[in-house]
Amino acid sequence: MSDCLFCKIAGGEIPSKKVYEDELCYAFYDIDPQAPTHFLVIPKAHIASVAEVTPENAAVVAHIFTVIAKVTKDLGLESYRVVSNIGEQAGQSVFHLHFHVLSGRDMTWPPG
């Protein structure tokens, strides 16, 4: 999608601080971190949100979770939260599927 911020980041058109990259996904540090460690993992293919996950594209989501497990281990993170907001009311501001990975502070429950 040509006007999607995260498609442009994954494509290298907009600079980011890369954490991880492979043929299916891209991970980068959040520009407005909400925890000492806060990065995003996105599929390179445009999927608007979890609401658009289908049997045809679900494998990339499973792959993203294996990447999250690898990257958090590589970073030495033993405890972390994974969040995906779906829709404006839930706080989604970029309509490209992404998973926030946050660590390094106590997380409250329920989240606000």
N, C-alpha and C. Protein backbone atom coordinates (compact mmCIF):
# COMPACT_ATOMS: atom_id res chain seq x y z
N MET A 1 0.86 -1.18 0.00
CA MET A 1 0.00 0.00 0.00
C MET A 1 0.90 1.24 0.00
N SER A 2 0.77 2.08 -1.00
CA SER A 2 1.73 3.15 -1.23
C SER A 2 1.71 4.27 -0.20
N ASP A 3 0.60 4.52 0.47
CA ASP A 3 0.56 5.61 1.44
C ASP A 3 0.65 5.13 2.89
N CYS A 4 0.98 3.87 3.11
CA CYS A 4 1.05 3.31 4.46
C CYS A 4 2.41 3.58 5.09
N LEU A 5 2.41 4.22 6.25
CA LEU A 5 3.64 4.53 6.97
C LEU A 5 4.50 3.29 7.20
N PHE A 6 3.90 2.20 7.70
CA PHE A 6 4.68 1.01 8.02
C PHE A 6 5.15 0.28 6.76
N CYS A 7 4.40 0.34 5.68
CA CYS A 7 4.90 -0.22 4.42
C CYS A 7 6.15 0.54 3.97
N LYS A 8 6.13 1.87 4.15
CA LYS A 8 7.29 2.68 3.77
C LYS A 8 8.49 2.39 4.68
N ILE A 9 8.24 2.17 5.96
CA ILE A 9 9.34 1.81 6.88
C ILE A 9 9.92 0.46 6.50
N ALA A 10 9.06 -0.53 6.28
CA ALA A 10 9.53 -1.88 5.91
C ALA A 10 10.27 -1.86 4.58
N GLY A 11 9.87 -0.97 3.69
CA GLY A 11 10.51 -0.86 2.38
C GLY A 11 11.77 0.00 2.37
N GLY A 12 12.11 0.58 3.52
CA GLY A 12 13.32 1.39 3.61
C GLY A 12 13.15 2.82 3.13
N GLU A 13 11.93 3.23 2.81
CA GLU A 13 11.69 4.61 2.35
C GLU A 13 11.74 5.62 3.49
N ILE A 14 11.39 5.16 4.69
CA ILE A 14 11.43 5.99 5.89
C ILE A 14 12.40 5.33 6.85
N PRO A 15 13.37 6.08 7.39
CA PRO A 15 14.35 5.48 8.28
C PRO A 15 13.74 5.01 9.61
N SER A 16 14.33 3.98 10.16
CA SER A 16 13.93 3.45 11.46
C SER A 16 15.15 2.79 12.10
N LYS A 17 15.04 2.53 13.38
CA LYS A 17 16.12 1.83 14.08
C LYS A 17 15.76 0.35 14.10
N LYS A 18 16.35 -0.38 13.16
CA LYS A 18 16.01 -1.79 12.96
C LYS A 18 16.45 -2.66 14.13
N VAL A 19 15.56 -3.58 14.50
CA VAL A 19 15.85 -4.60 15.50
C VAL A 19 16.09 -5.94 14.81
N TYR A 20 15.29 -6.21 13.76
CA TYR A 20 15.34 -7.51 13.09
C TYR A 20 14.67 -7.36 11.72
N GLU A 21 15.13 -8.17 10.76
CA GLU A 21 14.47 -8.20 9.46
C GLU A 21 14.71 -9.54 8.80
N ASP A 22 13.68 -10.04 8.14
CA ASP A 22 13.80 -11.20 7.26
C ASP A 22 12.85 -10.98 6.09
N GLU A 23 12.63 -12.00 5.29
CA GLU A 23 11.82 -11.83 4.08
C GLU A 23 10.33 -11.57 4.38
N LEU A 24 9.85 -11.94 5.58
CA LEU A 24 8.43 -11.80 5.90
C LEU A 24 8.09 -10.65 6.83
N CYS A 25 9.04 -10.25 7.67
CA CYS A 25 8.70 -9.24 8.66
C CYS A 25 9.86 -8.31 8.96
N TYR A 26 9.53 -7.24 9.65
CA TYR A 26 10.49 -6.21 10.01
C TYR A 26 10.19 -5.76 11.43
N ALA A 27 11.22 -5.60 12.25
CA ALA A 27 11.06 -5.13 13.62
C ALA A 27 11.91 -3.89 13.82
N PHE A 28 11.37 -2.91 14.52
CA PHE A 28 12.07 -1.65 14.73
C PHE A 28 11.61 -1.02 16.04
N TYR A 29 12.48 -0.17 16.61
CA TYR A 29 12.16 0.48 17.86
C TYR A 29 11.10 1.56 17.65
N ASP A 30 10.19 1.66 18.61
CA ASP A 30 9.12 2.65 18.58
C ASP A 30 9.72 4.05 18.77
N ILE A 31 9.22 5.03 18.02
CA ILE A 31 9.75 6.39 18.14
C ILE A 31 9.21 7.11 19.38
N ASP A 32 8.18 6.56 20.01
CA ASP A 32 7.62 7.12 21.24
C ASP A 32 7.49 5.99 22.26
N PRO A 33 8.61 5.49 22.78
CA PRO A 33 8.57 4.29 23.62
C PRO A 33 7.76 4.48 24.90
N GLN A 34 7.00 3.44 25.23
CA GLN A 34 6.18 3.43 26.44
C GLN A 34 6.78 2.54 27.52
N ALA A 35 7.97 2.05 27.28
CA ALA A 35 8.71 1.22 28.24
C ALA A 35 10.19 1.34 27.87
N PRO A 36 11.09 0.97 28.78
CA PRO A 36 12.52 1.04 28.45
C PRO A 36 12.89 0.28 27.17
N THR A 37 12.26 -0.85 26.94
CA THR A 37 12.39 -1.54 25.66
C THR A 37 11.02 -1.55 25.01
N HIS A 38 10.92 -1.00 23.80
CA HIS A 38 9.64 -0.95 23.10
C HIS A 38 9.93 -1.00 21.61
N PHE A 39 9.63 -2.13 21.00
CA PHE A 39 9.79 -2.25 19.56
C PHE A 39 8.53 -2.81 18.94
N LEU A 40 8.40 -2.63 17.64
CA LEU A 40 7.26 -3.11 16.87
C LEU A 40 7.72 -4.19 15.92
N VAL A 41 6.85 -5.16 15.67
CA VAL A 41 7.11 -6.17 14.64
C VAL A 41 5.94 -6.12 13.68
N ILE A 42 6.26 -5.97 12.39
CA ILE A 42 5.23 -5.84 11.36
C ILE A 42 5.48 -6.83 10.23
N PRO A 43 4.40 -7.28 9.59
CA PRO A 43 4.62 -8.07 8.37
C PRO A 43 5.02 -7.12 7.24
N LYS A 44 5.82 -7.58 6.32
CA LYS A 44 6.16 -6.75 5.17
C LYS A 44 4.96 -6.62 4.23
N ALA A 45 4.14 -7.65 4.16
CA ALA A 45 2.91 -7.57 3.37
C ALA A 45 1.90 -6.72 4.13
N HIS A 46 1.16 -5.89 3.42
CA HIS A 46 0.19 -5.03 4.08
C HIS A 46 -1.04 -5.84 4.52
N ILE A 47 -1.26 -5.84 5.82
CA ILE A 47 -2.47 -6.39 6.45
C ILE A 47 -2.89 -5.29 7.41
N ALA A 48 -4.12 -4.83 7.34
CA ALA A 48 -4.53 -3.65 8.10
C ALA A 48 -4.53 -3.86 9.61
N SER A 49 -4.94 -5.04 10.08
CA SER A 49 -4.99 -5.32 11.52
C SER A 49 -5.26 -6.80 11.73
N VAL A 50 -5.33 -7.20 12.99
CA VAL A 50 -5.66 -8.59 13.32
C VAL A 50 -7.01 -8.97 12.70
N ALA A 51 -7.90 -8.00 12.57
CA ALA A 51 -9.22 -8.26 11.99
C ALA A 51 -9.14 -8.75 10.54
N GLU A 52 -8.02 -8.54 9.88
CA GLU A 52 -7.85 -8.98 8.49
C GLU A 52 -6.98 -10.23 8.35
N VAL A 53 -6.68 -10.89 9.46
CA VAL A 53 -5.93 -12.15 9.38
C VAL A 53 -6.87 -13.23 8.85
N THR A 54 -6.39 -13.97 7.86
CA THR A 54 -7.17 -15.02 7.20
C THR A 54 -6.35 -16.31 7.17
N PRO A 55 -6.97 -17.42 6.81
CA PRO A 55 -6.18 -18.65 6.66
C PRO A 55 -5.04 -18.48 5.65
N GLU A 56 -5.23 -17.62 4.66
CA GLU A 56 -4.20 -17.42 3.63
C GLU A 56 -3.00 -16.62 4.13
N ASN A 57 -3.19 -15.73 5.12
CA ASN A 57 -2.06 -14.92 5.58
C ASN A 57 -1.67 -15.19 7.04
N ALA A 58 -2.31 -16.16 7.66
CA ALA A 58 -2.06 -16.44 9.08
C ALA A 58 -0.63 -16.94 9.35
N ALA A 59 0.00 -17.56 8.39
CA ALA A 59 1.36 -18.08 8.62
C ALA A 59 2.33 -16.96 8.96
N VAL A 60 2.14 -15.78 8.38
CA VAL A 60 3.05 -14.68 8.69
C VAL A 60 2.89 -14.24 10.14
N VAL A 61 1.68 -14.33 10.68
CA VAL A 61 1.46 -13.97 12.09
C VAL A 61 2.16 -14.97 13.00
N ALA A 62 2.05 -16.24 12.69
CA ALA A 62 2.77 -17.25 13.47
C ALA A 62 4.27 -17.01 13.39
N HIS A 63 4.75 -16.66 12.21
CA HIS A 63 6.17 -16.36 12.03
C HIS A 63 6.59 -15.17 12.89
N ILE A 64 5.75 -14.13 12.92
CA ILE A 64 6.06 -12.96 13.73
C ILE A 64 6.23 -13.35 15.20
N PHE A 65 5.39 -14.25 15.70
CA PHE A 65 5.52 -14.65 17.10
C PHE A 65 6.80 -15.45 17.34
N THR A 66 7.27 -16.21 16.37
CA THR A 66 8.56 -16.88 16.54
C THR A 66 9.68 -15.85 16.53
N VAL A 67 9.53 -14.80 15.72
CA VAL A 67 10.52 -13.72 15.70
C VAL A 67 10.52 -12.99 17.04
N ILE A 68 9.34 -12.70 17.59
CA ILE A 68 9.27 -12.05 18.90
C ILE A 68 10.00 -12.89 19.94
N ALA A 69 9.78 -14.20 19.94
CA ALA A 69 10.46 -15.08 20.90
C ALA A 69 11.97 -15.04 20.72
N LYS A 70 12.43 -15.04 19.48
CA LYS A 70 13.88 -14.99 19.21
C LYS A 70 14.48 -13.66 19.62
N VAL A 71 13.86 -12.55 19.21
CA VAL A 71 14.42 -11.23 19.48
C VAL A 71 14.43 -10.95 20.98
N THR A 72 13.37 -11.28 21.68
CA THR A 72 13.35 -11.03 23.13
C THR A 72 14.42 -11.86 23.83
N LYS A 73 14.63 -13.08 23.37
CA LYS A 73 15.69 -13.91 23.95
C LYS A 73 17.06 -13.28 23.66
N ASP A 74 17.26 -12.85 22.41
CA ASP A 74 18.52 -12.22 22.03
C ASP A 74 18.79 -10.95 22.84
N LEU A 75 17.73 -10.22 23.18
CA LEU A 75 17.87 -8.99 23.96
C LEU A 75 17.94 -9.26 25.47
N GLY A 76 17.78 -10.52 25.86
CA GLY A 76 17.84 -10.87 27.28
C GLY A 76 16.59 -10.51 28.06
N LEU A 77 15.47 -10.40 27.37
CA LEU A 77 14.21 -10.04 28.03
C LEU A 77 13.51 -11.29 28.53
N GLU A 78 13.32 -11.38 29.83
CA GLU A 78 12.64 -12.54 30.40
C GLU A 78 11.15 -12.31 30.57
N SER A 79 10.75 -11.04 30.64
CA SER A 79 9.36 -10.68 30.86
C SER A 79 9.01 -9.54 29.92
N TYR A 80 7.92 -9.68 29.20
CA TYR A 80 7.53 -8.65 28.24
C TYR A 80 6.05 -8.78 27.93
N ARG A 81 5.51 -7.74 27.33
CA ARG A 81 4.10 -7.73 26.91
C ARG A 81 4.06 -7.54 25.41
N VAL A 82 3.14 -8.26 24.75
CA VAL A 82 2.90 -8.11 23.32
C VAL A 82 1.48 -7.57 23.16
N VAL A 83 1.35 -6.47 22.41
CA VAL A 83 0.06 -5.80 22.26
C VAL A 83 -0.20 -5.51 20.79
N SER A 84 -1.44 -5.73 20.36
CA SER A 84 -1.87 -5.29 19.04
C SER A 84 -3.23 -4.62 19.21
N ASN A 85 -3.30 -3.37 18.79
CA ASN A 85 -4.55 -2.62 18.87
C ASN A 85 -5.31 -2.78 17.56
N ILE A 86 -6.61 -3.00 17.65
CA ILE A 86 -7.43 -3.20 16.46
C ILE A 86 -8.54 -2.16 16.46
N GLY A 87 -8.43 -1.19 15.57
CA GLY A 87 -9.43 -0.14 15.45
C GLY A 87 -9.08 1.10 16.25
N GLU A 88 -9.69 2.21 15.84
CA GLU A 88 -9.40 3.50 16.46
C GLU A 88 -9.71 3.53 17.95
N GLN A 89 -10.86 2.99 18.36
CA GLN A 89 -11.24 3.03 19.77
C GLN A 89 -10.24 2.28 20.64
N ALA A 90 -9.60 1.27 20.09
CA ALA A 90 -8.60 0.50 20.83
C ALA A 90 -7.22 1.16 20.80
N GLY A 91 -7.09 2.24 20.04
CA GLY A 91 -5.82 2.96 20.00
C GLY A 91 -4.98 2.71 18.77
N GLN A 92 -5.51 2.02 17.76
CA GLN A 92 -4.73 1.79 16.55
C GLN A 92 -4.64 3.10 15.77
N SER A 93 -3.42 3.56 15.52
CA SER A 93 -3.23 4.81 14.79
C SER A 93 -2.60 4.58 13.42
N VAL A 94 -1.93 3.46 13.23
CA VAL A 94 -1.40 3.09 11.92
C VAL A 94 -2.10 1.80 11.52
N PHE A 95 -2.80 1.84 10.38
CA PHE A 95 -3.61 0.70 9.98
C PHE A 95 -2.82 -0.27 9.11
N HIS A 96 -1.79 -0.81 9.75
CA HIS A 96 -0.95 -1.89 9.22
C HIS A 96 -0.70 -2.77 10.43
N LEU A 97 -0.98 -4.05 10.31
CA LEU A 97 -0.82 -4.97 11.44
C LEU A 97 0.55 -4.78 12.09
N HIS A 98 0.54 -4.61 13.40
CA HIS A 98 1.80 -4.49 14.12
C HIS A 98 1.61 -4.96 15.56
N PHE A 99 2.68 -5.48 16.09
CA PHE A 99 2.70 -5.97 17.46
C PHE A 99 3.74 -5.15 18.23
N HIS A 100 3.28 -4.49 19.29
CA HIS A 100 4.17 -3.78 20.19
C HIS A 100 4.77 -4.80 21.15
N VAL A 101 6.06 -4.74 21.38
CA VAL A 101 6.72 -5.57 22.38
C VAL A 101 7.32 -4.60 23.39
N LEU A 102 6.84 -4.70 24.64
CA LEU A 102 7.26 -3.78 25.70
C LEU A 102 7.87 -4.55 26.85
N SER A 103 8.95 -4.00 27.41
CA SER A 103 9.62 -4.66 28.53
C SER A 103 10.43 -3.64 29.31
N GLY A 104 10.81 -4.03 30.53
CA GLY A 104 11.70 -3.20 31.31
C GLY A 104 11.02 -2.38 32.39
N ARG A 105 9.74 -2.57 32.55
CA ARG A 105 9.01 -1.91 33.63
C ARG A 105 7.82 -2.77 34.01
N ASP A 106 7.26 -2.51 35.19
CA ASP A 106 6.05 -3.22 35.60
C ASP A 106 4.89 -2.80 34.70
N MET A 107 4.12 -3.77 34.27
CA MET A 107 2.94 -3.52 33.44
C MET A 107 1.71 -3.63 34.32
N THR A 108 0.82 -2.67 34.21
CA THR A 108 -0.41 -2.72 35.01
C THR A 108 -1.47 -3.55 34.32
N TRP A 109 -2.41 -4.04 35.12
CA TRP A 109 -3.55 -4.77 34.58
C TRP A 109 -4.79 -4.36 35.33
N PRO A 110 -5.89 -4.04 34.72
CA PRO A 110 -6.01 -4.07 33.27
C PRO A 110 -5.28 -2.90 32.62
N PRO A 111 -4.88 -3.09 31.36
CA PRO A 111 -4.21 -1.98 30.67
C PRO A 111 -5.19 -0.84 30.47
N GLY A 112 -4.70 0.37 30.43
CA GLY A 112 -5.56 1.54 30.35
C GLY A 112 -5.76 2.01 29.00
